[in-house]
Amino acid sequence: MITIINKNNEQISFKTDLPLSLANAIRRSANYIPILAVDSLEISKNDSALYDEIIAHRVGLVPLKNENLKLPAECGCGKEEGCSKCSMKLKLSEKGPGIIYSDQMSPGENIIHKIPITILDKDQELEFVAIAKRGKGIEHAKFSPGLIYYKYENDGVEGNDEEFKKLLEDVKKEKEENLIMTIESWGQISPKEIFISSTEMLNEEIKNLLKKIK
């Protein structure tokens, strides 16, 4: 049973009678969904107050549209920087004064959100070339499509210790409680796609496990 509580382009919440163990397995499986993100950054100019490492970290967390690129392990090109089938280049060359945003990277159609990267004063410059690849959240958080989390339906009565104690007792007795499950997307794919893909990834992992134990 699934009952939608609220839904928009960035988030979906629903009530479900899924077992807690299955809900947790689906949550963890979201980290197996291939997502596009900046994997390496070559900075040629950086006059900002931020170190190169901080610039690289901020650019790495910029959500990018999930292009139909192959995973590096599936490409077979053998190139560290990848090829046109498994990677793409993003360039930025800007001069201050002003705030430098993620959507100033080129090609801009791959950028989802306008996120501040750094601030440049007059005559300061920032120039870099980024290499984006597809990866999985189990490798690095920048490849995560979003968040999946849940709570018990009756959990959340503020200041009522007795209600909370009763909930704990019910859980210990293995009493089934409905869950409120929430999926938040960073923008690469929709919350609905995250849920569907997570269940598909879980199913695939189970199939692989069965093959190994046969």
N, C-alpha and C. Protein backbone atom coordinates (compact mmCIF):
# COMPACT_ATOMS: atom_id res chain seq x y z
N MET A 1 0.83 -1.19 0.00
CA MET A 1 0.00 0.00 0.00
C MET A 1 0.88 1.25 0.00
N ILE A 2 0.56 2.17 -0.88
CA ILE A 2 1.25 3.45 -0.93
C ILE A 2 0.21 4.56 -1.05
N THR A 3 0.29 5.53 -0.15
CA THR A 3 -0.60 6.69 -0.18
C THR A 3 0.26 7.95 -0.27
N ILE A 4 0.10 8.70 -1.36
CA ILE A 4 0.89 9.91 -1.57
C ILE A 4 0.46 11.00 -0.57
N ILE A 5 1.43 11.60 0.10
CA ILE A 5 1.17 12.69 1.04
C ILE A 5 1.39 14.03 0.35
N ASN A 6 2.54 14.21 -0.29
CA ASN A 6 2.78 15.39 -1.12
C ASN A 6 3.78 15.04 -2.21
N LYS A 7 3.72 15.81 -3.28
CA LYS A 7 4.54 15.48 -4.46
C LYS A 7 4.81 16.74 -5.26
N ASN A 8 6.08 16.95 -5.63
CA ASN A 8 6.44 18.01 -6.57
C ASN A 8 7.65 17.55 -7.37
N ASN A 9 8.25 18.45 -8.13
CA ASN A 9 9.36 18.06 -9.00
C ASN A 9 10.62 17.67 -8.23
N GLU A 10 10.74 18.14 -6.99
CA GLU A 10 11.95 17.91 -6.22
C GLU A 10 11.79 16.90 -5.08
N GLN A 11 10.56 16.64 -4.68
CA GLN A 11 10.35 15.77 -3.52
C GLN A 11 9.02 15.04 -3.60
N ILE A 12 9.00 13.84 -3.06
CA ILE A 12 7.76 13.08 -2.93
C ILE A 12 7.76 12.40 -1.57
N SER A 13 6.62 12.45 -0.88
CA SER A 13 6.47 11.78 0.41
C SER A 13 5.22 10.90 0.33
N PHE A 14 5.31 9.71 0.88
CA PHE A 14 4.16 8.82 0.87
C PHE A 14 4.16 7.91 2.09
N LYS A 15 2.95 7.43 2.44
CA LYS A 15 2.80 6.47 3.52
C LYS A 15 2.78 5.07 2.93
N THR A 16 3.50 4.16 3.56
CA THR A 16 3.60 2.80 3.02
C THR A 16 3.68 1.78 4.15
N ASP A 17 3.24 0.57 3.85
CA ASP A 17 3.35 -0.52 4.81
C ASP A 17 4.53 -1.43 4.49
N LEU A 18 5.50 -0.91 3.72
CA LEU A 18 6.71 -1.68 3.44
C LEU A 18 7.41 -2.08 4.73
N PRO A 19 7.95 -3.29 4.81
CA PRO A 19 8.76 -3.66 5.98
C PRO A 19 9.96 -2.73 6.10
N LEU A 20 10.38 -2.47 7.32
CA LEU A 20 11.48 -1.54 7.55
C LEU A 20 12.75 -2.00 6.84
N SER A 21 13.01 -3.31 6.84
CA SER A 21 14.23 -3.84 6.20
C SER A 21 14.22 -3.59 4.70
N LEU A 22 13.05 -3.71 4.07
CA LEU A 22 12.95 -3.48 2.63
C LEU A 22 13.09 -1.99 2.31
N ALA A 23 12.49 -1.14 3.13
CA ALA A 23 12.62 0.30 2.94
C ALA A 23 14.08 0.72 3.04
N ASN A 24 14.79 0.14 3.99
CA ASN A 24 16.20 0.48 4.15
C ASN A 24 17.03 -0.02 2.97
N ALA A 25 16.69 -1.20 2.45
CA ALA A 25 17.41 -1.75 1.30
C ALA A 25 17.21 -0.87 0.07
N ILE A 26 15.98 -0.36 -0.11
CA ILE A 26 15.71 0.55 -1.23
C ILE A 26 16.48 1.86 -1.05
N ARG A 27 16.52 2.36 0.19
CA ARG A 27 17.27 3.59 0.47
C ARG A 27 18.74 3.44 0.09
N ARG A 28 19.34 2.33 0.48
CA ARG A 28 20.76 2.11 0.21
C ARG A 28 21.01 1.89 -1.28
N SER A 29 20.03 1.31 -1.98
CA SER A 29 20.21 0.99 -3.41
C SER A 29 20.24 2.23 -4.29
N ALA A 30 19.79 3.38 -3.76
CA ALA A 30 19.85 4.64 -4.54
C ALA A 30 21.29 4.97 -4.89
N ASN A 31 22.24 4.51 -4.07
CA ASN A 31 23.65 4.79 -4.32
C ASN A 31 24.25 3.93 -5.44
N TYR A 32 23.43 3.10 -6.07
CA TYR A 32 23.89 2.29 -7.20
C TYR A 32 23.39 2.86 -8.53
N ILE A 33 22.63 3.96 -8.47
CA ILE A 33 22.11 4.58 -9.69
C ILE A 33 23.22 5.43 -10.34
N PRO A 34 23.56 5.19 -11.60
CA PRO A 34 24.61 5.99 -12.27
C PRO A 34 24.17 7.44 -12.44
N ILE A 35 25.03 8.36 -11.99
CA ILE A 35 24.73 9.79 -12.04
C ILE A 35 25.94 10.54 -12.60
N LEU A 36 25.68 11.60 -13.38
CA LEU A 36 26.75 12.40 -13.96
C LEU A 36 27.24 13.45 -12.96
N ALA A 37 28.56 13.58 -12.81
CA ALA A 37 29.14 14.60 -11.95
C ALA A 37 30.57 14.89 -12.41
N VAL A 38 31.09 16.05 -12.03
CA VAL A 38 32.48 16.39 -12.36
C VAL A 38 33.41 15.47 -11.60
N ASP A 39 34.27 14.79 -12.32
CA ASP A 39 35.17 13.82 -11.71
C ASP A 39 36.58 14.37 -11.52
N SER A 40 36.98 15.30 -12.39
CA SER A 40 38.31 15.91 -12.26
C SER A 40 38.26 17.35 -12.76
N LEU A 41 39.18 18.16 -12.25
CA LEU A 41 39.18 19.58 -12.57
C LEU A 41 40.61 20.05 -12.77
N GLU A 42 40.86 20.71 -13.91
CA GLU A 42 42.17 21.29 -14.18
C GLU A 42 42.04 22.81 -14.14
N ILE A 43 42.58 23.40 -13.09
CA ILE A 43 42.47 24.85 -12.90
C ILE A 43 43.72 25.54 -13.45
N SER A 44 43.52 26.44 -14.40
CA SER A 44 44.65 27.17 -14.98
C SER A 44 44.82 28.55 -14.35
N LYS A 45 43.71 29.14 -13.84
CA LYS A 45 43.77 30.42 -13.15
C LYS A 45 42.79 30.40 -11.98
N ASN A 46 43.25 30.88 -10.83
CA ASN A 46 42.37 31.01 -9.68
C ASN A 46 42.89 32.11 -8.77
N ASP A 47 42.36 33.30 -8.96
CA ASP A 47 42.76 34.45 -8.14
C ASP A 47 41.82 34.68 -6.97
N SER A 48 40.84 33.79 -6.80
CA SER A 48 39.85 33.97 -5.74
C SER A 48 40.46 33.68 -4.38
N ALA A 49 39.66 33.93 -3.33
CA ALA A 49 40.13 33.69 -1.96
C ALA A 49 40.10 32.20 -1.60
N LEU A 50 39.50 31.38 -2.45
CA LEU A 50 39.37 29.94 -2.17
C LEU A 50 40.53 29.16 -2.78
N TYR A 51 41.00 28.17 -2.03
CA TYR A 51 42.04 27.28 -2.55
C TYR A 51 41.50 26.48 -3.73
N ASP A 52 42.41 25.98 -4.57
CA ASP A 52 42.02 25.15 -5.71
C ASP A 52 41.19 23.96 -5.26
N GLU A 53 41.57 23.35 -4.13
CA GLU A 53 40.88 22.15 -3.65
C GLU A 53 39.43 22.44 -3.29
N ILE A 54 39.17 23.65 -2.75
CA ILE A 54 37.80 24.00 -2.39
C ILE A 54 36.97 24.28 -3.64
N ILE A 55 37.57 24.94 -4.62
CA ILE A 55 36.89 25.16 -5.91
C ILE A 55 36.52 23.81 -6.53
N ALA A 56 37.47 22.87 -6.53
CA ALA A 56 37.23 21.54 -7.12
C ALA A 56 36.11 20.83 -6.38
N HIS A 57 36.10 20.95 -5.05
CA HIS A 57 35.06 20.30 -4.25
C HIS A 57 33.68 20.88 -4.57
N ARG A 58 33.59 22.18 -4.66
CA ARG A 58 32.30 22.84 -4.93
C ARG A 58 31.79 22.50 -6.34
N VAL A 59 32.69 22.50 -7.32
CA VAL A 59 32.28 22.17 -8.69
C VAL A 59 31.87 20.70 -8.78
N GLY A 60 32.54 19.85 -8.02
CA GLY A 60 32.22 18.42 -8.04
C GLY A 60 30.82 18.13 -7.54
N LEU A 61 30.29 18.99 -6.67
CA LEU A 61 28.96 18.77 -6.11
C LEU A 61 27.84 19.46 -6.90
N VAL A 62 28.19 20.11 -8.01
CA VAL A 62 27.17 20.75 -8.86
C VAL A 62 26.38 19.67 -9.59
N PRO A 63 25.05 19.61 -9.40
CA PRO A 63 24.24 18.60 -10.11
C PRO A 63 24.27 18.84 -11.62
N LEU A 64 24.51 17.78 -12.38
CA LEU A 64 24.52 17.85 -13.84
C LEU A 64 23.47 16.91 -14.40
N LYS A 65 22.96 17.27 -15.55
CA LYS A 65 21.96 16.42 -16.19
C LYS A 65 22.57 15.06 -16.49
N ASN A 66 21.78 14.03 -16.26
CA ASN A 66 22.27 12.66 -16.38
C ASN A 66 22.34 12.26 -17.85
N GLU A 67 23.43 12.61 -18.49
CA GLU A 67 23.62 12.31 -19.91
C GLU A 67 23.68 10.80 -20.14
N ASN A 68 23.39 10.38 -21.35
CA ASN A 68 23.44 8.96 -21.70
C ASN A 68 24.87 8.54 -22.03
N LEU A 69 25.74 8.75 -21.07
CA LEU A 69 27.13 8.34 -21.22
C LEU A 69 27.33 6.97 -20.57
N LYS A 70 28.28 6.24 -21.09
CA LYS A 70 28.60 4.94 -20.49
C LYS A 70 29.37 5.15 -19.19
N LEU A 71 29.25 4.20 -18.29
CA LEU A 71 30.12 4.20 -17.12
C LEU A 71 31.54 3.94 -17.59
N PRO A 72 32.55 4.58 -17.01
CA PRO A 72 33.94 4.37 -17.45
C PRO A 72 34.33 2.89 -17.50
N ALA A 73 33.85 2.11 -16.54
CA ALA A 73 34.19 0.68 -16.50
C ALA A 73 33.58 -0.09 -17.66
N GLU A 74 32.50 0.46 -18.25
CA GLU A 74 31.80 -0.23 -19.34
C GLU A 74 32.23 0.27 -20.71
N CYS A 75 33.02 1.37 -20.74
CA CYS A 75 33.38 1.97 -22.02
C CYS A 75 34.46 1.18 -22.75
N GLY A 76 35.54 0.87 -22.05
CA GLY A 76 36.63 0.13 -22.67
C GLY A 76 37.57 0.98 -23.49
N CYS A 77 37.48 2.33 -23.38
CA CYS A 77 38.38 3.19 -24.16
C CYS A 77 39.80 3.16 -23.58
N GLY A 78 39.90 2.87 -22.29
CA GLY A 78 41.22 2.77 -21.67
C GLY A 78 41.87 4.10 -21.36
N LYS A 79 41.17 5.22 -21.61
CA LYS A 79 41.74 6.55 -21.37
C LYS A 79 41.36 7.04 -19.98
N GLU A 80 42.34 7.56 -19.26
CA GLU A 80 42.09 8.05 -17.90
C GLU A 80 41.09 9.20 -17.90
N GLU A 81 41.20 10.09 -18.91
CA GLU A 81 40.29 11.22 -19.00
C GLU A 81 38.97 10.85 -19.67
N GLY A 82 38.90 9.61 -20.20
CA GLY A 82 37.70 9.15 -20.87
C GLY A 82 37.63 9.57 -22.32
N CYS A 83 36.54 9.25 -22.96
CA CYS A 83 36.32 9.63 -24.37
C CYS A 83 34.93 10.21 -24.49
N SER A 84 34.51 10.50 -25.71
CA SER A 84 33.20 11.13 -25.92
C SER A 84 32.04 10.22 -25.53
N LYS A 85 32.32 8.92 -25.40
CA LYS A 85 31.26 7.97 -25.04
C LYS A 85 31.08 7.84 -23.53
N CYS A 86 32.12 8.23 -22.76
CA CYS A 86 32.04 8.05 -21.30
C CYS A 86 32.37 9.31 -20.50
N SER A 87 32.63 10.43 -21.17
CA SER A 87 32.95 11.66 -20.44
C SER A 87 32.57 12.88 -21.26
N MET A 88 32.52 14.02 -20.61
CA MET A 88 32.24 15.28 -21.30
C MET A 88 33.00 16.40 -20.60
N LYS A 89 33.34 17.44 -21.37
CA LYS A 89 34.10 18.56 -20.83
C LYS A 89 33.19 19.75 -20.54
N LEU A 90 33.48 20.42 -19.43
CA LEU A 90 32.82 21.66 -19.07
C LEU A 90 33.91 22.70 -18.85
N LYS A 91 33.73 23.88 -19.43
CA LYS A 91 34.75 24.91 -19.32
C LYS A 91 34.19 26.17 -18.66
N LEU A 92 35.08 26.87 -17.94
CA LEU A 92 34.70 28.14 -17.35
C LEU A 92 35.88 29.10 -17.43
N SER A 93 35.62 30.31 -17.87
CA SER A 93 36.64 31.36 -17.93
C SER A 93 35.94 32.68 -17.64
N GLU A 94 36.10 33.19 -16.41
CA GLU A 94 35.41 34.38 -15.98
C GLU A 94 36.35 35.35 -15.28
N LYS A 95 36.00 36.63 -15.35
CA LYS A 95 36.80 37.69 -14.72
C LYS A 95 35.90 38.53 -13.83
N GLY A 96 36.44 38.96 -12.66
CA GLY A 96 35.68 39.75 -11.71
C GLY A 96 35.54 41.21 -12.13
N PRO A 97 34.78 41.98 -11.38
CA PRO A 97 34.20 41.61 -10.09
C PRO A 97 32.84 40.93 -10.24
N GLY A 98 32.50 40.12 -9.23
CA GLY A 98 31.19 39.47 -9.23
C GLY A 98 31.23 38.06 -8.69
N ILE A 99 30.04 37.50 -8.52
CA ILE A 99 29.89 36.11 -8.06
C ILE A 99 29.94 35.19 -9.28
N ILE A 100 30.71 34.13 -9.18
CA ILE A 100 30.79 33.15 -10.26
C ILE A 100 29.85 31.99 -9.94
N TYR A 101 28.95 31.72 -10.88
CA TYR A 101 27.93 30.69 -10.66
C TYR A 101 28.18 29.47 -11.54
N SER A 102 27.58 28.36 -11.12
CA SER A 102 27.76 27.10 -11.84
C SER A 102 27.23 27.17 -13.27
N ASP A 103 26.16 27.94 -13.51
CA ASP A 103 25.58 27.98 -14.86
C ASP A 103 26.41 28.80 -15.83
N GLN A 104 27.55 29.34 -15.36
CA GLN A 104 28.47 30.02 -16.26
C GLN A 104 29.44 29.04 -16.92
N MET A 105 29.39 27.80 -16.49
CA MET A 105 30.18 26.77 -17.16
C MET A 105 29.55 26.46 -18.51
N SER A 106 30.38 26.06 -19.43
CA SER A 106 29.92 25.77 -20.80
C SER A 106 30.25 24.32 -21.16
N PRO A 107 29.31 23.57 -21.76
CA PRO A 107 27.97 23.95 -22.22
C PRO A 107 26.97 24.07 -21.08
N GLY A 108 26.21 25.17 -21.09
CA GLY A 108 25.30 25.49 -20.01
C GLY A 108 24.08 24.60 -19.92
N GLU A 109 23.72 23.92 -21.02
CA GLU A 109 22.51 23.10 -21.00
C GLU A 109 22.63 21.89 -20.08
N ASN A 110 23.84 21.59 -19.65
CA ASN A 110 24.04 20.45 -18.76
C ASN A 110 23.93 20.83 -17.28
N ILE A 111 23.81 22.13 -16.99
CA ILE A 111 23.75 22.61 -15.62
C ILE A 111 22.29 22.70 -15.18
N ILE A 112 21.98 22.17 -14.00
CA ILE A 112 20.60 22.14 -13.51
C ILE A 112 20.28 23.36 -12.66
N HIS A 113 21.17 23.68 -11.69
CA HIS A 113 20.91 24.77 -10.76
C HIS A 113 21.99 25.86 -10.86
N LYS A 114 21.59 27.07 -10.52
CA LYS A 114 22.53 28.19 -10.45
C LYS A 114 23.11 28.24 -9.03
N ILE A 115 24.33 27.72 -8.88
CA ILE A 115 24.95 27.59 -7.56
C ILE A 115 26.22 28.45 -7.49
N PRO A 116 26.39 29.27 -6.46
CA PRO A 116 27.62 30.08 -6.34
C PRO A 116 28.85 29.19 -6.18
N ILE A 117 29.90 29.51 -6.92
CA ILE A 117 31.17 28.78 -6.80
C ILE A 117 32.17 29.59 -5.98
N THR A 118 32.32 30.88 -6.33
CA THR A 118 33.23 31.74 -5.58
C THR A 118 32.93 33.20 -5.94
N ILE A 119 33.65 34.12 -5.30
CA ILE A 119 33.52 35.55 -5.59
C ILE A 119 34.87 36.08 -6.08
N LEU A 120 34.81 36.84 -7.15
CA LEU A 120 36.03 37.45 -7.71
C LEU A 120 35.97 38.96 -7.55
N ASP A 121 37.09 39.54 -7.13
CA ASP A 121 37.22 40.99 -7.08
C ASP A 121 37.63 41.50 -8.46
N LYS A 122 37.78 42.80 -8.58
CA LYS A 122 38.16 43.40 -9.85
C LYS A 122 39.51 42.84 -10.33
N ASP A 123 39.52 42.47 -11.61
CA ASP A 123 40.71 41.93 -12.29
C ASP A 123 41.10 40.51 -11.83
N GLN A 124 40.37 39.94 -10.90
CA GLN A 124 40.63 38.54 -10.55
C GLN A 124 39.99 37.62 -11.58
N GLU A 125 40.59 36.45 -11.77
CA GLU A 125 40.09 35.52 -12.79
C GLU A 125 39.97 34.10 -12.24
N LEU A 126 39.07 33.35 -12.85
CA LEU A 126 38.93 31.92 -12.57
C LEU A 126 38.75 31.21 -13.90
N GLU A 127 39.61 30.26 -14.13
CA GLU A 127 39.57 29.52 -15.39
C GLU A 127 39.88 28.05 -15.13
N PHE A 128 39.01 27.17 -15.62
CA PHE A 128 39.25 25.73 -15.45
C PHE A 128 38.55 24.92 -16.53
N VAL A 129 38.99 23.67 -16.64
CA VAL A 129 38.34 22.68 -17.51
C VAL A 129 37.97 21.50 -16.62
N ALA A 130 36.70 21.14 -16.64
CA ALA A 130 36.20 20.04 -15.82
C ALA A 130 35.86 18.83 -16.70
N ILE A 131 36.15 17.65 -16.20
CA ILE A 131 35.78 16.41 -16.88
C ILE A 131 34.68 15.73 -16.07
N ALA A 132 33.51 15.57 -16.68
CA ALA A 132 32.37 14.94 -16.00
C ALA A 132 32.21 13.50 -16.48
N LYS A 133 31.94 12.62 -15.54
CA LYS A 133 31.72 11.21 -15.85
C LYS A 133 30.56 10.70 -15.02
N ARG A 134 30.03 9.56 -15.43
CA ARG A 134 28.98 8.93 -14.65
C ARG A 134 29.61 8.04 -13.58
N GLY A 135 29.01 8.02 -12.41
CA GLY A 135 29.49 7.18 -11.32
C GLY A 135 28.35 6.83 -10.39
N LYS A 136 28.68 6.17 -9.30
CA LYS A 136 27.67 5.74 -8.34
C LYS A 136 27.99 6.29 -6.95
N GLY A 137 26.94 6.50 -6.17
CA GLY A 137 27.10 7.05 -4.84
C GLY A 137 27.94 6.21 -3.91
N ILE A 138 28.06 4.91 -4.20
CA ILE A 138 28.91 4.05 -3.37
C ILE A 138 30.38 4.40 -3.57
N GLU A 139 30.69 5.11 -4.67
CA GLU A 139 32.07 5.54 -4.94
C GLU A 139 32.35 6.90 -4.32
N HIS A 140 31.36 7.82 -4.44
CA HIS A 140 31.52 9.18 -3.91
C HIS A 140 30.14 9.83 -3.81
N ALA A 141 29.94 10.65 -2.77
CA ALA A 141 28.64 11.29 -2.54
C ALA A 141 28.21 12.18 -3.69
N LYS A 142 29.16 12.70 -4.48
CA LYS A 142 28.79 13.60 -5.59
C LYS A 142 27.98 12.87 -6.66
N PHE A 143 28.03 11.54 -6.68
CA PHE A 143 27.26 10.76 -7.65
C PHE A 143 25.89 10.34 -7.11
N SER A 144 25.52 10.81 -5.92
CA SER A 144 24.21 10.47 -5.36
C SER A 144 23.10 11.26 -6.06
N PRO A 145 21.97 10.63 -6.38
CA PRO A 145 20.88 11.33 -7.06
C PRO A 145 20.03 12.17 -6.12
N GLY A 146 20.16 11.93 -4.81
CA GLY A 146 19.34 12.64 -3.84
C GLY A 146 19.35 11.91 -2.51
N LEU A 147 18.27 12.06 -1.77
CA LEU A 147 18.14 11.43 -0.46
C LEU A 147 16.86 10.62 -0.38
N ILE A 148 16.93 9.48 0.30
CA ILE A 148 15.75 8.70 0.66
C ILE A 148 15.80 8.51 2.17
N TYR A 149 14.74 8.90 2.84
CA TYR A 149 14.69 8.69 4.29
C TYR A 149 13.24 8.40 4.71
N TYR A 150 13.09 7.90 5.91
CA TYR A 150 11.76 7.48 6.37
C TYR A 150 11.68 7.58 7.88
N LYS A 151 10.45 7.52 8.39
CA LYS A 151 10.20 7.48 9.83
C LYS A 151 8.88 6.73 10.04
N TYR A 152 8.65 6.29 11.26
CA TYR A 152 7.37 5.67 11.57
C TYR A 152 6.27 6.72 11.54
N GLU A 153 5.09 6.31 11.09
CA GLU A 153 3.97 7.24 10.94
C GLU A 153 3.64 7.95 12.25
N ASN A 154 3.72 7.24 13.36
CA ASN A 154 3.36 7.81 14.66
C ASN A 154 4.53 8.40 15.41
N ASP A 155 5.68 8.47 14.75
CA ASP A 155 6.87 9.03 15.40
C ASP A 155 6.92 10.52 15.11
N GLY A 156 6.97 11.34 16.14
CA GLY A 156 7.06 12.78 15.90
C GLY A 156 6.14 13.60 16.77
N VAL A 157 5.64 13.01 17.87
CA VAL A 157 4.83 13.78 18.81
C VAL A 157 5.76 14.53 19.73
N GLU A 158 5.94 15.83 19.50
CA GLU A 158 6.92 16.61 20.24
C GLU A 158 6.56 16.71 21.72
N GLY A 159 7.55 16.49 22.57
CA GLY A 159 7.39 16.67 24.01
C GLY A 159 6.56 15.61 24.70
N ASN A 160 6.17 14.54 23.98
CA ASN A 160 5.36 13.49 24.59
C ASN A 160 6.21 12.24 24.75
N ASP A 161 6.88 12.13 25.88
CA ASP A 161 7.78 11.00 26.13
C ASP A 161 7.03 9.68 26.19
N GLU A 162 5.81 9.70 26.70
CA GLU A 162 5.03 8.47 26.84
C GLU A 162 4.70 7.88 25.47
N GLU A 163 4.35 8.74 24.52
CA GLU A 163 4.07 8.27 23.16
C GLU A 163 5.30 7.65 22.52
N PHE A 164 6.46 8.29 22.75
CA PHE A 164 7.70 7.78 22.18
C PHE A 164 8.07 6.44 22.80
N LYS A 165 7.90 6.31 24.12
CA LYS A 165 8.18 5.04 24.81
C LYS A 165 7.28 3.93 24.29
N LYS A 166 6.01 4.27 24.06
CA LYS A 166 5.06 3.28 23.54
C LYS A 166 5.47 2.82 22.15
N LEU A 167 5.94 3.77 21.32
CA LEU A 167 6.39 3.42 19.98
C LEU A 167 7.57 2.46 20.04
N LEU A 168 8.52 2.73 20.91
CA LEU A 168 9.67 1.84 21.06
C LEU A 168 9.25 0.45 21.50
N GLU A 169 8.29 0.39 22.42
CA GLU A 169 7.80 -0.91 22.89
C GLU A 169 7.13 -1.69 21.77
N ASP A 170 6.35 -0.97 20.93
CA ASP A 170 5.68 -1.62 19.80
C ASP A 170 6.69 -2.17 18.80
N VAL A 171 7.77 -1.41 18.57
CA VAL A 171 8.81 -1.85 17.64
C VAL A 171 9.51 -3.10 18.17
N LYS A 172 9.79 -3.09 19.48
CA LYS A 172 10.44 -4.25 20.10
C LYS A 172 9.58 -5.49 20.00
N LYS A 173 8.26 -5.30 20.02
CA LYS A 173 7.34 -6.43 19.90
C LYS A 173 7.12 -6.83 18.45
N GLU A 174 7.86 -6.18 17.54
CA GLU A 174 7.77 -6.43 16.10
C GLU A 174 6.39 -6.12 15.55
N LYS A 175 5.76 -5.15 16.16
CA LYS A 175 4.47 -4.71 15.65
C LYS A 175 4.70 -3.90 14.38
N GLU A 176 3.96 -4.21 13.33
CA GLU A 176 4.14 -3.52 12.06
C GLU A 176 3.60 -2.09 12.16
N GLU A 177 4.40 -1.12 11.77
CA GLU A 177 4.00 0.27 11.76
C GLU A 177 4.16 0.82 10.35
N ASN A 178 3.21 1.63 9.92
CA ASN A 178 3.35 2.28 8.62
C ASN A 178 4.52 3.25 8.65
N LEU A 179 5.17 3.38 7.50
CA LEU A 179 6.30 4.30 7.37
C LEU A 179 5.91 5.51 6.54
N ILE A 180 6.48 6.65 6.87
CA ILE A 180 6.40 7.83 6.01
C ILE A 180 7.75 7.92 5.30
N MET A 181 7.74 7.70 4.00
CA MET A 181 8.97 7.66 3.21
C MET A 181 9.06 8.92 2.36
N THR A 182 10.23 9.54 2.35
CA THR A 182 10.45 10.77 1.59
C THR A 182 11.64 10.61 0.66
N ILE A 183 11.48 11.07 -0.57
CA ILE A 183 12.56 11.02 -1.56
C ILE A 183 12.79 12.44 -2.06
N GLU A 184 14.02 12.93 -1.90
CA GLU A 184 14.41 14.25 -2.39
C GLU A 184 15.41 14.10 -3.52
N SER A 185 15.21 14.84 -4.59
CA SER A 185 16.10 14.77 -5.74
C SER A 185 16.97 16.01 -5.83
N TRP A 186 18.23 15.82 -6.25
CA TRP A 186 19.12 16.96 -6.50
C TRP A 186 18.82 17.57 -7.87
N GLY A 187 18.02 16.90 -8.69
CA GLY A 187 17.63 17.46 -9.98
C GLY A 187 18.04 16.65 -11.19
N GLN A 188 18.98 15.69 -11.02
CA GLN A 188 19.43 14.91 -12.18
C GLN A 188 18.30 14.03 -12.71
N ILE A 189 17.60 13.37 -11.80
CA ILE A 189 16.42 12.57 -12.16
C ILE A 189 15.33 12.86 -11.13
N SER A 190 14.08 12.60 -11.48
CA SER A 190 12.96 12.94 -10.62
C SER A 190 12.90 12.02 -9.40
N PRO A 191 12.20 12.43 -8.33
CA PRO A 191 12.04 11.56 -7.17
C PRO A 191 11.42 10.20 -7.53
N LYS A 192 10.45 10.23 -8.44
CA LYS A 192 9.81 8.98 -8.87
C LYS A 192 10.84 8.06 -9.54
N GLU A 193 11.69 8.64 -10.40
CA GLU A 193 12.72 7.85 -11.07
C GLU A 193 13.74 7.29 -10.08
N ILE A 194 14.04 8.07 -9.02
CA ILE A 194 14.96 7.58 -8.00
C ILE A 194 14.39 6.33 -7.34
N PHE A 195 13.11 6.38 -7.00
CA PHE A 195 12.47 5.23 -6.34
C PHE A 195 12.44 4.02 -7.25
N ILE A 196 12.01 4.22 -8.50
CA ILE A 196 11.93 3.10 -9.45
C ILE A 196 13.32 2.51 -9.71
N SER A 197 14.30 3.38 -9.95
CA SER A 197 15.66 2.91 -10.23
C SER A 197 16.27 2.22 -9.02
N SER A 198 15.96 2.69 -7.82
CA SER A 198 16.48 2.06 -6.60
C SER A 198 15.96 0.63 -6.47
N THR A 199 14.67 0.43 -6.76
CA THR A 199 14.11 -0.92 -6.69
C THR A 199 14.72 -1.81 -7.77
N GLU A 200 14.98 -1.23 -8.95
CA GLU A 200 15.61 -2.01 -10.03
C GLU A 200 17.04 -2.39 -9.66
N MET A 201 17.77 -1.45 -9.06
CA MET A 201 19.15 -1.74 -8.63
C MET A 201 19.17 -2.82 -7.55
N LEU A 202 18.21 -2.76 -6.62
CA LEU A 202 18.12 -3.77 -5.56
C LEU A 202 17.83 -5.14 -6.16
N ASN A 203 16.92 -5.18 -7.12
CA ASN A 203 16.58 -6.44 -7.78
C ASN A 203 17.79 -7.01 -8.51
N GLU A 204 18.57 -6.13 -9.15
CA GLU A 204 19.76 -6.56 -9.88
C GLU A 204 20.81 -7.13 -8.93
N GLU A 205 20.99 -6.47 -7.78
CA GLU A 205 21.96 -6.94 -6.80
C GLU A 205 21.57 -8.31 -6.23
N ILE A 206 20.27 -8.51 -6.03
CA ILE A 206 19.79 -9.80 -5.54
C ILE A 206 20.05 -10.90 -6.57
N LYS A 207 19.81 -10.58 -7.86
CA LYS A 207 20.07 -11.54 -8.92
C LYS A 207 21.56 -11.92 -8.97
N ASN A 208 22.43 -10.90 -8.83
CA ASN A 208 23.87 -11.16 -8.84
C ASN A 208 24.29 -12.03 -7.66
N LEU A 209 23.67 -11.78 -6.51
CA LEU A 209 23.97 -12.58 -5.32
C LEU A 209 23.55 -14.03 -5.52
N LEU A 210 22.38 -14.23 -6.11
CA LEU A 210 21.87 -15.59 -6.35
C LEU A 210 22.79 -16.36 -7.29
N LYS A 211 23.32 -15.64 -8.30
CA LYS A 211 24.25 -16.28 -9.24
C LYS A 211 25.51 -16.76 -8.54
N LYS A 212 25.99 -15.95 -7.58
CA LYS A 212 27.23 -16.26 -6.91
C LYS A 212 27.12 -17.41 -5.91
N ILE A 213 25.91 -17.59 -5.35
CA ILE A 213 25.77 -18.65 -4.34
C ILE A 213 25.25 -19.96 -4.92
N LYS A 214 24.95 -19.97 -6.23
CA LYS A 214 24.49 -21.21 -6.86
C LYS A 214 25.65 -22.20 -7.01
